[in-house]
């Protein structure tokens, strides 16, 4: 195997992955859909960005990539196999290429985004990455999925395969090796994380269990190193500071229908870019922006006043003490006049392309749409493990107490119809108000939809979050207890909530 040429090694890796998907992975199609969703969320995909998939094989991932990109992105799928036929199931609009050398027929072409699955090998990794860097536009991004050599199940399979003379032909790299190589080639913002605990041996019951457990284990210290895959994401310098200006408006029925409520405390560096980029992407939807300055001690109020001078749709609210996210949210809701109210945090700038799913669901008739961090198709990176445990524990108790199943109704990213907003009773002054705005519509019988989003912990340039688990936990408990009293006895602080059969 050490005598394999550069391209031959890629062909062997592609062939082995295809064999494994066909013969050893009972959920290969679902897994490729999950990974395509991760690609979409990690790249914050916008229409028109060009995508290069290397080592496409039979096109299983390519089909899912075409599906999640809604046919809005030119896709070039490359195989390294010798004398293959174009897969019959490949969408006709996908460009299919057989490459016998790199860059080969890709010479002088450049792409915005490149994705590859299980192709990085110790024998060719450096040359392969150099070629990939050349194929990227400045500011372009790469996403790789690699088998994790530390995975216990993989080690067992490799031991057994040697006994049956079915040797795994791959020479895998560890997470530190991959990270070092990416930086050596010149990639920036390199992120390597352990990913996916849904691996063999699998049966139907175990698949369901691992799908729900995986997002927790992926963020658990030490345990995460046993995941099935390593996800690598990086940029080619120089980094782009602005996204291409494009409108993502697509639902005429929602034109001018949305009030955007943004609680702000010490968010001077975030609120300006957030409002301006949202205006560029979704301006036709927006009736008004309502930034609520919650007694900031930095330049937040000055930035908000500048925004109001730029755009008459910016209608600031400047609060007086006492402070609190719940108080700021309630004040913003009180002055909002749109048919729908979108509430969000100031650090959601990177999420903006994903807001399309919120508006799509509203156009389909849902009265409450929530961005879920804990869907299997979500991306959750660097999330504090104690917050995951607290969040999942709270939702488990909420399922039991309220008799409903849901995944992440406490996230602040919500699009709520005017009728529901008018019914909400926001009592909690702090972060627990996010539980009120998610769970009150649930027991009211509202038509609710959760859509997957990405969540990546704040970087240094985004400032710091004021969320403190130990300080806010009691508020969530109080919300749940009040909802339980209302749900089963019609009593308590929420007793005025209207129970509807549907909305």
Protein backbone atom coordinates (compact mmCIF):
# COMPACT_ATOMS: atom_id res chain seq x y z
CA UNK A 1 0.00 0.00 0.00
CA UNK A 2 2.93 2.36 0.54
CA UNK A 3 3.68 2.33 -3.23
CA UNK A 4 0.30 3.76 -4.18
CA UNK A 5 0.40 6.94 -6.23
CA UNK A 6 -1.22 10.17 -5.06
CA UNK A 7 -4.43 9.70 -7.07
CA UNK A 8 -4.49 5.92 -6.48
CA UNK A 9 -4.60 6.55 -2.74
CA UNK A 10 -7.58 8.85 -3.19
CA UNK A 11 -9.28 6.23 -5.38
CA UNK A 12 -8.69 3.52 -2.75
CA UNK A 13 -10.12 5.71 0.00
CA UNK A 14 -13.17 6.57 -2.13
CA UNK A 15 -13.75 2.93 -3.02
CA UNK A 16 -13.44 1.72 0.57
CA UNK A 17 -15.88 4.38 1.80
CA UNK A 18 -18.40 3.35 -0.86
CA UNK A 19 -18.06 -0.32 0.10
CA UNK A 20 -18.53 0.51 3.78
CA UNK A 21 -21.64 2.60 3.12
CA UNK A 22 -23.20 -0.17 1.02
CA UNK A 23 -22.35 -3.14 3.25
CA UNK A 24 -21.74 -1.89 6.80
CA UNK A 25 -23.81 1.26 7.34
CA UNK A 26 -27.57 0.58 7.59
CA UNK A 27 -28.34 4.31 7.87
CA UNK A 28 -25.95 5.61 5.21
CA UNK A 29 -28.63 7.70 3.48
CA UNK A 30 -29.78 9.33 6.72
CA UNK A 31 -26.18 9.92 7.75
CA UNK A 32 -25.44 11.68 4.46
CA UNK A 33 -28.49 13.88 4.98
CA UNK A 34 -27.24 14.82 8.47
CA UNK A 35 -23.84 15.66 7.04
CA UNK A 36 -25.33 17.68 4.20
CA UNK A 37 -27.29 19.70 6.76
CA UNK A 38 -24.10 20.20 8.77
CA UNK A 39 -22.39 21.44 5.60
CA UNK A 40 -25.21 23.90 4.95
CA UNK A 41 -25.16 25.24 8.50
CA UNK A 42 -21.38 25.32 8.94
CA UNK A 43 -20.88 27.18 5.66
CA UNK A 44 -23.93 29.43 6.23
CA UNK A 45 -24.75 28.66 2.63
CA UNK A 46 -26.01 31.41 0.33
CA UNK A 47 -27.47 30.99 -3.18
CA UNK A 48 -24.93 31.03 -5.98
CA UNK A 49 -21.91 29.89 -3.97
CA UNK A 50 -20.02 27.22 -5.90
CA UNK A 51 -19.44 23.81 -4.30
CA UNK A 52 -16.82 21.20 -5.15
CA UNK A 53 -17.29 17.69 -3.76
CA UNK A 54 -14.20 15.50 -3.98
CA UNK A 55 -14.51 11.70 -4.02
CA UNK A 56 -18.25 11.65 -4.74
CA UNK A 57 -18.47 7.90 -5.43
CA UNK A 58 -22.03 6.85 -6.24
CA UNK A 59 -23.31 10.31 -5.34
CA UNK A 60 -25.12 9.47 -2.09
CA UNK A 61 -23.87 12.62 -0.36
CA UNK A 62 -24.15 14.64 -3.59
CA UNK A 63 -27.90 14.01 -3.78
CA UNK A 64 -28.42 15.16 -0.21
CA UNK A 65 -26.23 18.21 -0.82
CA UNK A 66 -28.37 19.15 -3.82
CA UNK A 67 -31.48 18.67 -1.69
CA UNK A 68 -30.43 20.87 1.25
CA UNK A 69 -29.08 23.59 -1.05
CA UNK A 70 -32.47 23.71 -2.84
CA UNK A 71 -30.77 23.56 -6.23
CA UNK A 72 -29.49 27.12 -5.74
CA UNK A 73 -25.77 26.29 -5.72
CA UNK A 74 -23.68 25.00 -8.66
CA UNK A 75 -22.22 21.64 -7.56
CA UNK A 76 -19.24 19.92 -9.19
CA UNK A 77 -18.88 16.28 -8.09
CA UNK A 78 -15.49 14.65 -8.69
CA UNK A 79 -14.60 10.96 -8.60
CA UNK A 80 -11.11 9.46 -8.56
CA UNK A 81 -12.31 5.99 -9.64
CA UNK A 82 -11.08 4.59 -12.95
CA UNK A 83 -13.59 4.31 -15.81
CA UNK A 84 -16.74 5.02 -13.77
CA UNK A 85 -20.18 5.77 -15.13
CA UNK A 86 -22.13 8.79 -14.05
CA UNK A 87 -24.49 7.63 -11.25
CA UNK A 88 -28.01 7.45 -12.65
CA UNK A 89 -29.48 9.00 -9.49
CA UNK A 90 -27.27 12.08 -9.67
CA UNK A 91 -29.29 15.28 -10.28
CA UNK A 92 -28.89 16.40 -13.90
CA UNK A 93 -27.76 19.89 -12.90
CA UNK A 94 -24.73 18.49 -11.02
CA UNK A 95 -21.49 18.60 -12.99
CA UNK A 96 -19.80 15.17 -12.83
CA UNK A 97 -16.06 14.85 -13.46
CA UNK A 98 -13.58 11.97 -13.51
CA UNK A 99 -10.20 13.27 -12.36
CA UNK A 100 -7.01 11.27 -12.92
CA UNK A 101 -4.66 13.94 -11.56
CA UNK A 102 -4.92 17.08 -9.46
CA UNK A 103 -5.68 19.72 -10.41
CA UNK A 104 -6.13 18.01 -13.81
CA UNK A 105 -9.37 19.07 -15.44
CA UNK A 106 -9.97 21.38 -12.48
CA UNK A 107 -6.93 23.48 -13.41
CA UNK A 108 -7.55 27.25 -13.16
CA UNK A 109 -11.02 26.67 -11.69
CA UNK A 110 -11.91 28.09 -8.29
CA UNK A 111 -14.70 27.26 -5.88
CA UNK A 112 -16.24 28.96 -2.86
CA UNK A 113 -16.73 25.78 -0.84
CA UNK A 114 -15.07 22.36 -0.92
CA UNK A 115 -16.23 19.21 0.86
CA UNK A 116 -14.64 15.76 1.04
CA UNK A 117 -15.41 12.63 3.01
CA UNK A 118 -12.78 10.24 4.39
CA UNK A 119 -10.08 11.10 1.83
CA UNK A 120 -7.27 12.53 3.97
CA UNK A 121 -4.56 9.86 4.29
CA UNK A 122 -1.12 10.03 5.89
CA UNK A 123 0.43 9.05 2.54
CA UNK A 124 -0.96 11.96 0.53
CA UNK A 125 -2.55 14.41 2.93
CA UNK A 126 -0.13 17.30 2.52
CA UNK A 127 -0.19 17.26 -1.31
CA UNK A 128 -3.95 16.83 -1.32
CA UNK A 129 -4.49 19.81 0.99
CA UNK A 130 -2.16 21.98 -1.08
CA UNK A 131 -4.24 21.22 -4.17
CA UNK A 132 -7.46 21.96 -2.30
CA UNK A 133 -6.09 25.31 -1.14
CA UNK A 134 -5.30 26.19 -4.77
CA UNK A 135 -8.84 25.29 -5.85
CA UNK A 136 -10.45 27.62 -3.30
CA UNK A 137 -11.37 31.23 -3.85
CA UNK A 138 -9.84 33.65 -1.29
CA UNK A 139 -12.02 33.48 1.79
CA UNK A 140 -13.36 30.08 0.68
CA UNK A 141 -14.14 27.32 3.15
CA UNK A 142 -13.48 23.59 3.40
CA UNK A 143 -15.32 20.89 5.33
CA UNK A 144 -13.93 17.38 5.76
CA UNK A 145 -15.31 14.32 7.50
CA UNK A 146 -12.64 11.83 8.55
CA UNK A 147 -12.85 8.50 10.39
CA UNK A 148 -11.58 8.88 13.93
CA UNK A 149 -8.67 6.47 14.64
CA UNK A 150 -9.39 6.72 18.38
CA UNK A 151 -12.88 5.27 17.95
CA UNK A 152 -13.09 1.99 19.92
CA UNK A 153 -15.53 0.35 17.49
CA UNK A 154 -13.16 1.07 14.61
CA UNK A 155 -10.23 -0.44 16.50
CA UNK A 156 -12.23 -3.62 17.13
CA UNK A 157 -13.31 -3.87 13.49
CA UNK A 158 -9.74 -3.41 12.32
CA UNK A 159 -8.50 -6.14 14.64
CA UNK A 160 -11.18 -8.55 13.40
CA UNK A 161 -10.60 -7.64 9.76
CA UNK A 162 -6.94 -8.61 10.09
CA UNK A 163 -8.02 -11.98 11.40
CA UNK A 164 -10.18 -12.52 8.31
CA UNK A 165 -7.60 -10.99 5.94
CA UNK A 166 -9.80 -8.03 5.06
CA UNK A 167 -7.41 -5.31 5.96
CA UNK A 168 -8.59 -1.71 6.16
CA UNK A 169 -6.48 0.05 3.47
CA UNK A 170 -6.59 3.49 5.09
CA UNK A 171 -3.83 5.20 7.08
CA UNK A 172 -5.81 7.54 9.30
CA UNK A 173 -4.74 10.77 10.96
CA UNK A 174 -5.60 11.85 14.49
CA UNK A 175 -7.29 15.11 15.38
CA UNK A 176 -4.02 16.88 16.39
CA UNK A 177 -2.32 15.70 13.17
CA UNK A 178 -5.17 17.00 11.03
CA UNK A 179 -5.23 20.33 12.81
CA UNK A 180 -1.45 20.80 12.49
CA UNK A 181 -1.48 19.89 8.78
CA UNK A 182 -4.29 22.32 7.97
CA UNK A 183 -2.42 25.17 9.65
CA UNK A 184 0.87 24.16 8.01
CA UNK A 185 -0.74 24.40 4.56
CA UNK A 186 -1.96 27.91 5.40
CA UNK A 187 -5.63 27.48 6.33
CA UNK A 188 -6.99 29.78 9.03
CA UNK A 189 -9.74 29.48 11.65
CA UNK A 190 -9.09 25.75 11.67
CA UNK A 191 -11.67 23.88 13.75
CA UNK A 192 -11.38 20.13 14.33
CA UNK A 193 -14.12 18.55 16.45
CA UNK A 194 -15.22 15.02 17.23
CA UNK A 195 -18.54 14.14 15.65
CA UNK A 196 -21.17 11.37 15.40
CA UNK A 197 -21.69 8.57 17.90
CA UNK A 198 -24.18 6.72 15.69
CA UNK A 199 -21.94 3.91 14.50
CA UNK A 200 -21.96 0.10 14.23
CA UNK A 201 -23.07 -2.22 15.64
CA UNK A 202 -26.54 -0.77 15.10
CA UNK A 203 -30.15 -1.88 15.28
CA UNK A 204 -33.33 0.19 14.99
CA UNK A 205 -33.69 0.83 18.74
CA UNK A 206 -30.00 1.67 19.17
CA UNK A 207 -30.08 4.09 16.22
CA UNK A 208 -32.89 6.08 17.85
CA UNK A 209 -31.08 6.13 21.19
CA UNK A 210 -27.71 7.16 19.75
CA UNK A 211 -29.25 9.86 17.54
CA UNK A 212 -30.61 11.56 20.65
CA UNK A 213 -27.51 10.94 22.74
CA UNK A 214 -24.92 11.86 20.12
CA UNK A 215 -25.25 15.64 20.38
CA UNK A 216 -24.54 15.39 24.12
CA UNK A 217 -21.57 13.03 23.78
CA UNK A 218 -20.04 15.17 21.01
CA UNK A 219 -19.61 17.97 23.56
CA UNK A 220 -18.69 15.82 26.57
CA UNK A 221 -15.08 16.15 27.75
CA UNK A 222 -12.94 13.04 27.16
CA UNK A 223 -15.84 10.91 25.91
CA UNK A 224 -16.11 12.94 22.70
CA UNK A 225 -12.69 11.63 21.62
CA UNK A 226 -14.37 8.24 21.00
CA UNK A 227 -16.73 9.61 18.32
CA UNK A 228 -16.94 7.92 14.94
CA UNK A 229 -15.71 10.89 12.91
CA UNK A 230 -13.62 14.03 13.04
CA UNK A 231 -15.11 17.14 11.45
CA UNK A 232 -12.63 19.66 10.05
CA UNK A 233 -13.67 23.18 9.04
CA UNK A 234 -11.31 25.91 7.86
CA UNK A 235 -11.00 29.07 5.73
CA UNK A 236 -8.54 30.10 3.06
CA UNK A 237 -7.06 33.53 3.78
CA UNK A 238 -7.72 36.34 3.42
CA UNK A 239 -10.96 36.07 5.33
CA UNK A 240 -13.99 37.80 3.88
CA UNK A 241 -15.48 40.31 6.30
CA UNK A 242 -18.77 40.67 4.45
CA UNK A 243 -21.10 38.18 2.83
CA UNK A 244 -22.24 38.75 -0.75
CA UNK A 245 -25.31 40.98 -0.82
CA UNK A 246 -28.29 38.92 -1.90
CA UNK A 247 -31.96 38.88 -1.02
CA UNK A 248 -33.42 35.70 0.48
CA UNK A 249 -36.99 36.98 0.29
CA UNK A 250 -39.33 34.35 -1.19
CA UNK A 251 -42.79 34.61 0.43
CA UNK A 252 -44.93 37.50 -0.79
CA UNK A 253 -47.52 36.82 1.92
CA UNK A 254 -44.92 37.84 4.52
CA UNK A 255 -43.85 41.07 2.84
CA UNK A 256 -43.53 43.80 5.48
CA UNK A 257 -44.96 41.45 8.12
CA UNK A 258 -42.06 41.01 10.55
CA UNK A 259 -41.12 43.00 13.65
CA UNK A 260 -37.60 42.09 14.80
CA UNK A 261 -37.10 42.40 18.57
CA UNK A 262 -33.47 42.32 19.71
CA UNK A 263 -32.64 42.63 23.42
CA UNK A 264 -29.22 44.31 23.76
CA UNK A 265 -26.92 44.77 26.69
CA UNK A 266 -23.33 45.82 25.92
CA UNK A 267 -23.62 44.68 22.30
CA UNK A 268 -22.01 47.66 20.56
CA UNK A 269 -19.85 45.42 18.37
CA UNK A 270 -22.72 43.16 17.28
CA UNK A 271 -25.93 45.16 16.88
CA UNK A 272 -24.84 47.23 13.87
CA UNK A 273 -23.63 44.33 11.67
CA UNK A 274 -26.64 42.26 12.72
CA UNK A 275 -29.24 44.83 11.68
CA UNK A 276 -27.46 45.79 8.45
CA UNK A 277 -26.95 42.22 7.26
CA UNK A 278 -30.48 41.21 8.16
CA UNK A 279 -31.73 44.21 6.19
CA UNK A 280 -29.66 43.10 3.19
CA UNK A 281 -30.86 39.48 3.31
CA UNK A 282 -34.48 39.87 4.43
CA UNK A 283 -35.35 43.53 3.97
CA UNK A 284 -38.62 42.81 2.14
CA UNK A 285 -39.91 40.85 5.15
CA UNK A 286 -39.09 43.53 7.72
CA UNK A 287 -41.66 46.02 8.95
CA UNK A 288 -39.50 47.29 11.81
CA UNK A 289 -36.39 46.60 13.85
CA UNK A 290 -36.82 47.06 17.59
CA UNK A 291 -33.42 46.99 19.33
CA UNK A 292 -34.06 47.15 23.07
CA UNK A 293 -31.08 48.66 24.90
CA UNK A 294 -31.14 47.14 28.38
CA UNK A 295 -29.12 49.83 30.18
CA UNK A 296 -25.85 49.10 28.40
CA UNK A 297 -22.64 50.54 29.81
CA UNK A 298 -20.78 50.56 26.48
CA UNK A 299 -21.60 52.38 23.21
CA UNK A 300 -24.66 50.24 22.38
CA UNK A 301 -27.13 53.13 22.66
CA UNK A 302 -25.02 55.33 20.35
CA UNK A 303 -24.82 52.57 17.72
CA UNK A 304 -28.58 52.05 17.90
CA UNK A 305 -29.22 55.77 17.40
CA UNK A 306 -26.97 55.73 14.32
CA UNK A 307 -28.97 52.79 12.94
CA UNK A 308 -32.21 54.71 13.49
CA UNK A 309 -30.83 57.62 11.47
CA UNK A 310 -29.88 55.23 8.64
CA UNK A 311 -33.24 53.48 8.45
CA UNK A 312 -36.62 54.73 9.63
CA UNK A 313 -37.64 51.13 10.32
CA UNK A 314 -35.24 51.03 13.28
CA UNK A 315 -37.37 51.95 16.30
CA UNK A 316 -35.21 51.78 19.44
CA UNK A 317 -36.39 51.16 22.96
CA UNK A 318 -34.13 52.51 25.72
CA UNK A 319 -34.92 50.90 29.04
CA UNK A 320 -34.49 52.20 32.56
CA UNK A 321 -33.41 49.93 35.44
CA UNK A 322 -33.92 47.26 36.61
CA UNK A 323 -32.23 45.20 33.90
CA UNK A 324 -33.18 41.77 32.58
CA UNK A 325 -33.53 39.88 29.32
CA UNK A 326 -37.15 39.04 30.12
CA UNK A 327 -37.98 42.68 30.82
CA UNK A 328 -36.28 43.78 27.60
CA UNK A 329 -38.09 41.11 25.60
CA UNK A 330 -41.46 42.08 27.08
CA UNK A 331 -40.86 45.77 26.32
CA UNK A 332 -39.95 44.93 22.73
CA UNK A 333 -43.02 42.74 22.27
CA UNK A 334 -45.20 45.48 23.69
CA UNK A 335 -44.29 48.00 20.99
CA UNK A 336 -44.02 45.58 18.05
CA UNK A 337 -46.73 46.04 15.40
CA UNK A 338 -45.92 43.39 12.78
CA UNK A 339 -48.08 40.36 11.99
CA UNK A 340 -45.16 38.25 13.22
CA UNK A 341 -42.51 39.02 15.82
CA UNK A 342 -39.00 37.62 15.42
CA UNK A 343 -36.96 37.62 18.63
CA UNK A 344 -33.24 36.96 18.58
CA UNK A 345 -29.97 37.50 20.40
CA UNK A 346 -27.34 39.97 19.22
CA UNK A 347 -24.76 37.22 18.61
CA UNK A 348 -26.90 35.51 15.95
CA UNK A 349 -25.11 37.28 13.10
CA UNK A 350 -23.60 34.06 11.74
CA UNK A 351 -27.04 32.41 11.74
CA UNK A 352 -28.74 34.82 9.36
CA UNK A 353 -28.76 32.58 6.21
CA UNK A 354 -30.55 29.92 8.29
CA UNK A 355 -33.45 32.26 9.09
CA UNK A 356 -34.92 31.24 5.72
CA UNK A 357 -36.27 28.12 7.42
CA UNK A 358 -38.15 30.22 9.97
CA UNK A 359 -39.89 32.23 7.26
CA UNK A 360 -40.59 29.09 5.20
CA UNK A 361 -42.37 27.52 8.19
CA UNK A 362 -44.39 30.68 8.88
CA UNK A 363 -45.46 30.76 5.22
CA UNK A 364 -46.64 27.15 5.64
CA UNK A 365 -49.01 28.26 8.39
CA UNK A 366 -47.12 27.69 11.64
CA UNK A 367 -47.86 30.33 14.24
CA UNK A 368 -44.71 29.67 16.28
CA UNK A 369 -41.36 28.72 14.72
CA UNK A 370 -38.35 28.02 16.93
CA UNK A 371 -34.71 27.61 15.92
CA UNK A 372 -33.64 24.31 17.49
CA UNK A 373 -30.04 23.78 18.58
CA UNK A 374 -30.73 20.15 19.47
CA UNK A 375 -32.12 18.69 16.26
CA UNK A 376 -30.08 15.88 14.71
CA UNK A 377 -29.65 18.22 11.72
CA UNK A 378 -28.40 21.06 13.90
CA UNK A 379 -24.76 21.94 14.44
CA UNK A 380 -23.71 22.39 18.06
CA UNK A 381 -20.02 23.23 18.54
CA UNK A 382 -18.13 24.21 21.68
CA UNK A 383 -21.35 24.30 23.69
CA UNK A 384 -20.60 24.24 27.44
CA UNK A 385 -21.26 20.69 28.60
CA UNK A 386 -22.96 21.76 31.84
CA UNK A 387 -25.41 23.87 29.81
CA UNK A 388 -26.21 20.88 27.60
CA UNK A 389 -26.96 18.73 30.64
CA UNK A 390 -29.09 21.48 32.18
CA UNK A 391 -30.95 22.11 28.91
CA UNK A 392 -31.63 18.43 28.23
CA UNK A 393 -32.61 17.84 31.84
CA UNK A 394 -35.05 20.75 31.79
CA UNK A 395 -36.62 19.57 28.54
CA UNK A 396 -36.95 16.02 29.88
CA UNK A 397 -38.80 17.25 32.96
CA UNK A 398 -40.91 19.56 30.79
CA UNK A 399 -41.92 16.58 28.60
CA UNK A 400 -42.98 14.68 31.71
CA UNK A 401 -44.74 17.58 33.42
CA UNK A 402 -46.56 18.96 30.38
CA UNK A 403 -47.24 15.79 28.40
CA UNK A 404 -45.71 17.08 25.13
CA UNK A 405 -42.53 16.19 23.23
CA UNK A 406 -40.27 18.91 21.84
CA UNK A 407 -36.54 19.50 21.43
CA UNK A 408 -35.56 23.12 22.12
CA UNK A 409 -38.41 25.50 22.84
CA UNK A 410 -36.29 27.58 25.24
CA UNK A 411 -34.04 29.07 22.54
CA UNK A 412 -34.57 32.80 22.01
CA UNK A 413 -34.67 32.52 18.21
CA UNK A 414 -38.44 32.50 17.69
CA UNK A 415 -40.87 33.74 15.05
CA UNK A 416 -44.30 34.15 16.66
CA UNK A 417 -47.58 35.38 15.20
CA UNK A 418 -49.13 38.56 16.55
CA UNK A 419 -52.11 36.66 18.01
CA UNK A 420 -49.82 34.49 20.14
CA UNK A 421 -47.57 37.39 21.19
CA UNK A 422 -50.63 39.23 22.50
CA UNK A 423 -51.46 36.23 24.73
CA UNK A 424 -48.00 35.72 26.22
CA UNK A 425 -47.53 36.41 29.92
CA UNK A 426 -43.86 37.21 30.46
CA UNK A 427 -43.25 37.29 34.19
CA UNK A 428 -39.64 36.21 34.51
CA UNK A 429 -37.20 39.14 34.41
CA UNK A 430 -34.21 37.13 33.16
CA UNK A 431 -33.30 34.40 30.67
CA UNK A 432 -36.13 32.14 31.86
CA UNK A 433 -38.46 34.37 29.82
CA UNK A 434 -37.25 32.34 26.82
CA UNK A 435 -38.91 29.30 28.38
CA UNK A 436 -42.12 31.29 28.82
CA UNK A 437 -42.22 32.36 25.17
CA UNK A 438 -41.65 28.78 24.02
CA UNK A 439 -43.72 26.72 26.44
CA UNK A 440 -46.74 28.98 26.88
CA UNK A 441 -47.72 28.62 23.17
CA UNK A 442 -47.30 24.85 23.60
CA UNK A 443 -49.94 24.52 26.30
CA UNK A 444 -52.12 27.05 24.44
CA UNK A 445 -52.35 24.56 21.58
CA UNK A 446 -50.50 26.70 19.04
CA UNK A 447 -49.18 25.23 15.81
CA UNK A 448 -45.44 25.00 16.52
CA UNK A 449 -42.54 24.04 14.28
CA UNK A 450 -38.89 23.57 15.30
CA UNK A 451 -36.27 24.06 12.58
CA UNK A 452 -32.59 23.09 12.93
CA UNK A 453 -29.98 25.81 13.33
CA UNK A 454 -26.28 25.96 14.11
CA UNK A 455 -24.83 27.11 17.40
CA UNK A 456 -21.14 27.94 17.78
CA UNK A 457 -19.90 29.43 21.03
CA UNK A 458 -19.01 33.11 20.96
CA UNK A 459 -15.58 34.00 19.65
CA UNK A 460 -13.50 36.70 21.33
CA UNK A 461 -14.49 39.38 18.81
CA UNK A 462 -18.18 38.81 19.58
CA UNK A 463 -17.88 39.71 23.24
CA UNK A 464 -19.09 37.57 26.13
CA UNK A 465 -22.50 36.25 27.04
CA UNK A 466 -24.19 37.36 30.25
CA UNK A 467 -25.86 33.95 30.70
CA UNK A 468 -24.91 32.34 34.02
CA UNK A 469 -26.41 28.91 34.66
CA UNK A 470 -26.28 29.03 38.44
CA UNK A 471 -28.09 32.37 38.50
CA UNK A 472 -30.89 31.60 36.03
CA UNK A 473 -31.74 27.96 36.82
CA UNK A 474 -34.36 28.85 39.44
CA UNK A 475 -36.31 30.90 36.90
CA UNK A 476 -36.70 27.92 34.59
CA UNK A 477 -37.97 25.79 37.47
CA UNK A 478 -40.53 28.44 38.35
CA UNK A 479 -41.74 28.62 34.74
CA UNK A 480 -42.21 24.87 34.57
CA UNK A 481 -44.10 24.77 37.87
CA UNK A 482 -46.44 27.59 36.80
CA UNK A 483 -47.11 25.87 33.47
CA UNK A 484 -47.88 22.61 35.26
CA UNK A 485 -50.39 24.38 37.50
CA UNK A 486 -52.05 25.99 34.48
CA UNK A 487 -51.99 22.83 32.33
CA UNK A 488 -53.65 20.53 34.84
CA UNK A 489 -55.47 22.77 37.33
CA UNK A 490 -56.03 26.11 35.59
CA UNK A 491 -54.32 27.87 38.49
CA UNK A 492 -51.33 30.05 39.17
CA UNK A 493 -49.62 33.01 37.56
CA UNK A 494 -50.44 31.82 34.03
CA UNK A 495 -54.09 31.04 34.66
CA UNK A 496 -55.21 33.75 32.19
CA UNK A 497 -53.58 31.95 29.26
CA UNK A 498 -56.12 30.88 26.67
CA UNK A 499 -56.15 27.17 25.85
CA UNK A 500 -56.84 26.69 22.16
CA UNK A 501 -57.52 23.55 20.17
CA UNK A 502 -55.15 24.75 17.44
CA UNK A 503 -53.93 27.83 15.65
